[in-house]
Amino acid sequence: MENAANGNESINAGHQNRLDRSREMTRNDWTSVPDKRWSSRVLHNIGTVSEHAAAGLVAGSALVVWVAVGIAAEFPPWWENVLYIASSSVTVVMVFAIQHTQA
């Protein structure tokens, strides 16, 4: 029984070492690791860009511009569809970016 306990302790110690190393790395370190897949680096970069307050201001400004152009163009029939497609696409990308960076 003592051997099993020692085995678990070594597994836990190894796991703790990996956790400590990963905590020491900043998000910028993760995006520059060469053996990471390009998709992982892209998702981490999206997460880094979207975490700033300016990202919310850009999104709000884009919405105001969208409404202003819609008013000027008298809201053509396709206008609503483009808004739905754009917002759905951004939502899906952000879900994957957030999920990936939290994992």
C-alpha atoms as a PDB file:
ATOM      1  CA  MET A   1       0.000   0.000   0.000  1.00  0.00           C
ATOM      2  CA  GLU A   2       2.938   2.270   0.679  1.00  0.00           C
ATOM      3  CA  ASN A   3       4.168   1.945  -2.931  1.00  0.00           C
ATOM      4  CA  ALA A   4       0.804   3.125  -4.242  1.00  0.00           C
ATOM      5  CA  ALA A   5       0.954   6.169  -1.990  1.00  0.00           C
ATOM      6  CA  ASN A   6       4.481   6.964  -3.218  1.00  0.00           C
ATOM      7  CA  GLY A   7       3.333   6.591  -6.825  1.00  0.00           C
ATOM      8  CA  ASN A   8       0.489   9.024  -6.255  1.00  0.00           C
ATOM      9  CA  GLU A   9       2.835  11.481  -4.581  1.00  0.00           C
ATOM     10  CA  SER A  10       5.199  11.433  -7.560  1.00  0.00           C
ATOM     11  CA  ILE A  11       2.280  11.915  -9.967  1.00  0.00           C
ATOM     12  CA  ASN A  12       0.982  14.809  -7.876  1.00  0.00           C
ATOM     13  CA  ALA A  13       4.477  16.334  -7.668  1.00  0.00           C
ATOM     14  CA  GLY A  14       4.879  16.114 -11.450  1.00  0.00           C
ATOM     15  CA  HIS A  15       1.479  17.658 -11.980  1.00  0.00           C
ATOM     16  CA  GLN A  16       2.306  20.443  -9.532  1.00  0.00           C
ATOM     17  CA  ASN A  17       5.582  21.150 -11.351  1.00  0.00           C
ATOM     18  CA  ARG A  18       3.739  21.517 -14.671  1.00  0.00           C
ATOM     19  CA  LEU A  19       1.193  23.815 -13.045  1.00  0.00           C
ATOM     20  CA  ASP A  20       3.944  25.961 -11.553  1.00  0.00           C
ATOM     21  CA  ARG A  21       5.705  26.254 -14.931  1.00  0.00           C
ATOM     22  CA  SER A  22       2.481  27.171 -16.719  1.00  0.00           C
ATOM     23  CA  ARG A  23       1.654  29.823 -14.134  1.00  0.00           C
ATOM     24  CA  GLU A  24       5.093  31.379 -14.639  1.00  0.00           C
ATOM     25  CA  MET A  25       4.395  31.873 -18.338  1.00  0.00           C
ATOM     26  CA  THR A  26       2.448  34.968 -19.282  1.00  0.00           C
ATOM     27  CA  ARG A  27      -0.095  35.012 -22.079  1.00  0.00           C
ATOM     28  CA  ASN A  28       2.469  36.662 -24.379  1.00  0.00           C
ATOM     29  CA  ASP A  29       4.866  33.781 -23.710  1.00  0.00           C
ATOM     30  CA  TRP A  30       2.225  31.310 -24.884  1.00  0.00           C
ATOM     31  CA  THR A  31       1.715  33.139 -28.176  1.00  0.00           C
ATOM     32  CA  SER A  32       5.421  32.994 -28.998  1.00  0.00           C
ATOM     33  CA  VAL A  33       6.016  29.305 -28.207  1.00  0.00           C
ATOM     34  CA  PRO A  34       7.224  27.811 -31.516  1.00  0.00           C
ATOM     35  CA  ASP A  35       5.755  24.331 -31.041  1.00  0.00           C
ATOM     36  CA  LYS A  36       2.227  25.676 -30.523  1.00  0.00           C
ATOM     37  CA  ARG A  37      -0.075  25.259 -33.486  1.00  0.00           C
ATOM     38  CA  TRP A  38      -0.810  28.375 -35.486  1.00  0.00           C
ATOM     39  CA  SER A  39      -4.498  28.112 -34.578  1.00  0.00           C
ATOM     40  CA  SER A  40      -3.633  28.139 -30.876  1.00  0.00           C
ATOM     41  CA  ARG A  41      -1.472  31.235 -31.329  1.00  0.00           C
ATOM     42  CA  VAL A  42      -4.264  32.971 -33.277  1.00  0.00           C
ATOM     43  CA  LEU A  43      -6.859  32.190 -30.591  1.00  0.00           C
ATOM     44  CA  HIS A  44      -4.521  33.421 -27.850  1.00  0.00           C
ATOM     45  CA  ASN A  45      -3.896  36.630 -29.803  1.00  0.00           C
ATOM     46  CA  ILE A  46      -7.649  37.154 -30.230  1.00  0.00           C
ATOM     47  CA  GLY A  47      -8.066  36.663 -26.489  1.00  0.00           C
ATOM     48  CA  THR A  48      -5.282  39.148 -25.755  1.00  0.00           C
ATOM     49  CA  VAL A  49      -6.755  41.795 -28.056  1.00  0.00           C
ATOM     50  CA  SER A  50     -10.323  41.320 -26.847  1.00  0.00           C
ATOM     51  CA  GLU A  51      -9.472  41.604 -23.144  1.00  0.00           C
ATOM     52  CA  HIS A  52      -8.733  45.331 -23.401  1.00  0.00           C
ATOM     53  CA  ALA A  53     -11.366  47.959 -22.647  1.00  0.00           C
ATOM     54  CA  ALA A  54     -10.724  49.497 -26.051  1.00  0.00           C
ATOM     55  CA  ALA A  55     -12.226  46.374 -27.646  1.00  0.00           C
ATOM     56  CA  GLY A  56     -15.583  47.224 -26.062  1.00  0.00           C
ATOM     57  CA  LEU A  57     -15.304  50.802 -27.270  1.00  0.00           C
ATOM     58  CA  VAL A  58     -14.528  49.617 -30.803  1.00  0.00           C
ATOM     59  CA  ALA A  59     -17.528  47.260 -30.754  1.00  0.00           C
ATOM     60  CA  GLY A  60     -19.829  50.012 -29.453  1.00  0.00           C
ATOM     61  CA  SER A  61     -18.516  52.474 -32.038  1.00  0.00           C
ATOM     62  CA  ALA A  62     -19.040  49.935 -34.816  1.00  0.00           C
ATOM     63  CA  LEU A  63     -22.646  49.495 -33.707  1.00  0.00           C
ATOM     64  CA  VAL A  64     -23.257  53.264 -33.706  1.00  0.00           C
ATOM     65  CA  VAL A  65     -21.730  53.547 -37.195  1.00  0.00           C
ATOM     66  CA  TRP A  66     -23.841  50.576 -38.338  1.00  0.00           C
ATOM     67  CA  VAL A  67     -27.035  52.280 -37.165  1.00  0.00           C
ATOM     68  CA  ALA A  68     -26.019  55.646 -38.659  1.00  0.00           C
ATOM     69  CA  VAL A  69     -25.294  54.107 -42.059  1.00  0.00           C
ATOM     70  CA  GLY A  70     -28.545  52.139 -41.813  1.00  0.00           C
ATOM     71  CA  ILE A  71     -30.492  55.311 -41.173  1.00  0.00           C
ATOM     72  CA  ALA A  72     -28.771  57.027 -44.107  1.00  0.00           C
ATOM     73  CA  ALA A  73     -29.466  54.045 -46.391  1.00  0.00           C
ATOM     74  CA  GLU A  74     -33.052  53.749 -45.090  1.00  0.00           C
ATOM     75  CA  PHE A  75     -32.415  50.208 -43.805  1.00  0.00           C
ATOM     76  CA  PRO A  76     -32.518  48.085 -46.982  1.00  0.00           C
ATOM     77  CA  PRO A  77     -34.081  44.591 -46.666  1.00  0.00           C
ATOM     78  CA  TRP A  78     -30.719  42.766 -46.447  1.00  0.00           C
ATOM     79  CA  TRP A  79     -29.483  45.051 -43.655  1.00  0.00           C
ATOM     80  CA  GLU A  80     -30.857  42.930 -40.828  1.00  0.00           C
ATOM     81  CA  ASN A  81     -29.440  39.687 -42.264  1.00  0.00           C
ATOM     82  CA  VAL A  82     -25.927  41.116 -42.472  1.00  0.00           C
ATOM     83  CA  LEU A  83     -26.138  42.214 -38.833  1.00  0.00           C
ATOM     84  CA  TYR A  84     -27.305  38.745 -37.737  1.00  0.00           C
ATOM     85  CA  ILE A  85     -24.544  37.012 -39.709  1.00  0.00           C
ATOM     86  CA  ALA A  86     -21.821  39.336 -38.431  1.00  0.00           C
ATOM     87  CA  SER A  87     -22.882  39.124 -34.794  1.00  0.00           C
ATOM     88  CA  SER A  88     -23.264  35.336 -34.933  1.00  0.00           C
ATOM     89  CA  SER A  89     -19.843  34.922 -36.523  1.00  0.00           C
ATOM     90  CA  VAL A  90     -18.144  37.119 -33.927  1.00  0.00           C
ATOM     91  CA  THR A  91     -19.928  35.243 -31.138  1.00  0.00           C
ATOM     92  CA  VAL A  92     -18.771  31.829 -32.387  1.00  0.00           C
ATOM     93  CA  VAL A  93     -15.160  32.980 -32.782  1.00  0.00           C
ATOM     94  CA  MET A  94     -15.144  34.554 -29.312  1.00  0.00           C
ATOM     95  CA  VAL A  95     -16.612  31.417 -27.719  1.00  0.00           C
ATOM     96  CA  PHE A  96     -13.762  29.348 -29.147  1.00  0.00           C
ATOM     97  CA  ALA A  97     -11.142  31.963 -28.226  1.00  0.00           C
ATOM     98  CA  ILE A  98     -12.366  32.232 -24.641  1.00  0.00           C
ATOM     99  CA  GLN A  99     -12.721  28.478 -24.261  1.00  0.00           C
ATOM    100  CA  HIS A 100      -9.241  27.859 -25.659  1.00  0.00           C
ATOM    101  CA  THR A 101      -7.490  30.484 -23.555  1.00  0.00           C
ATOM    102  CA  GLN A 102      -9.186  29.231 -20.372  1.00  0.00           C
ATOM    103  CA  ALA A 103      -8.216  25.586 -20.991  1.00  0.00           C
END
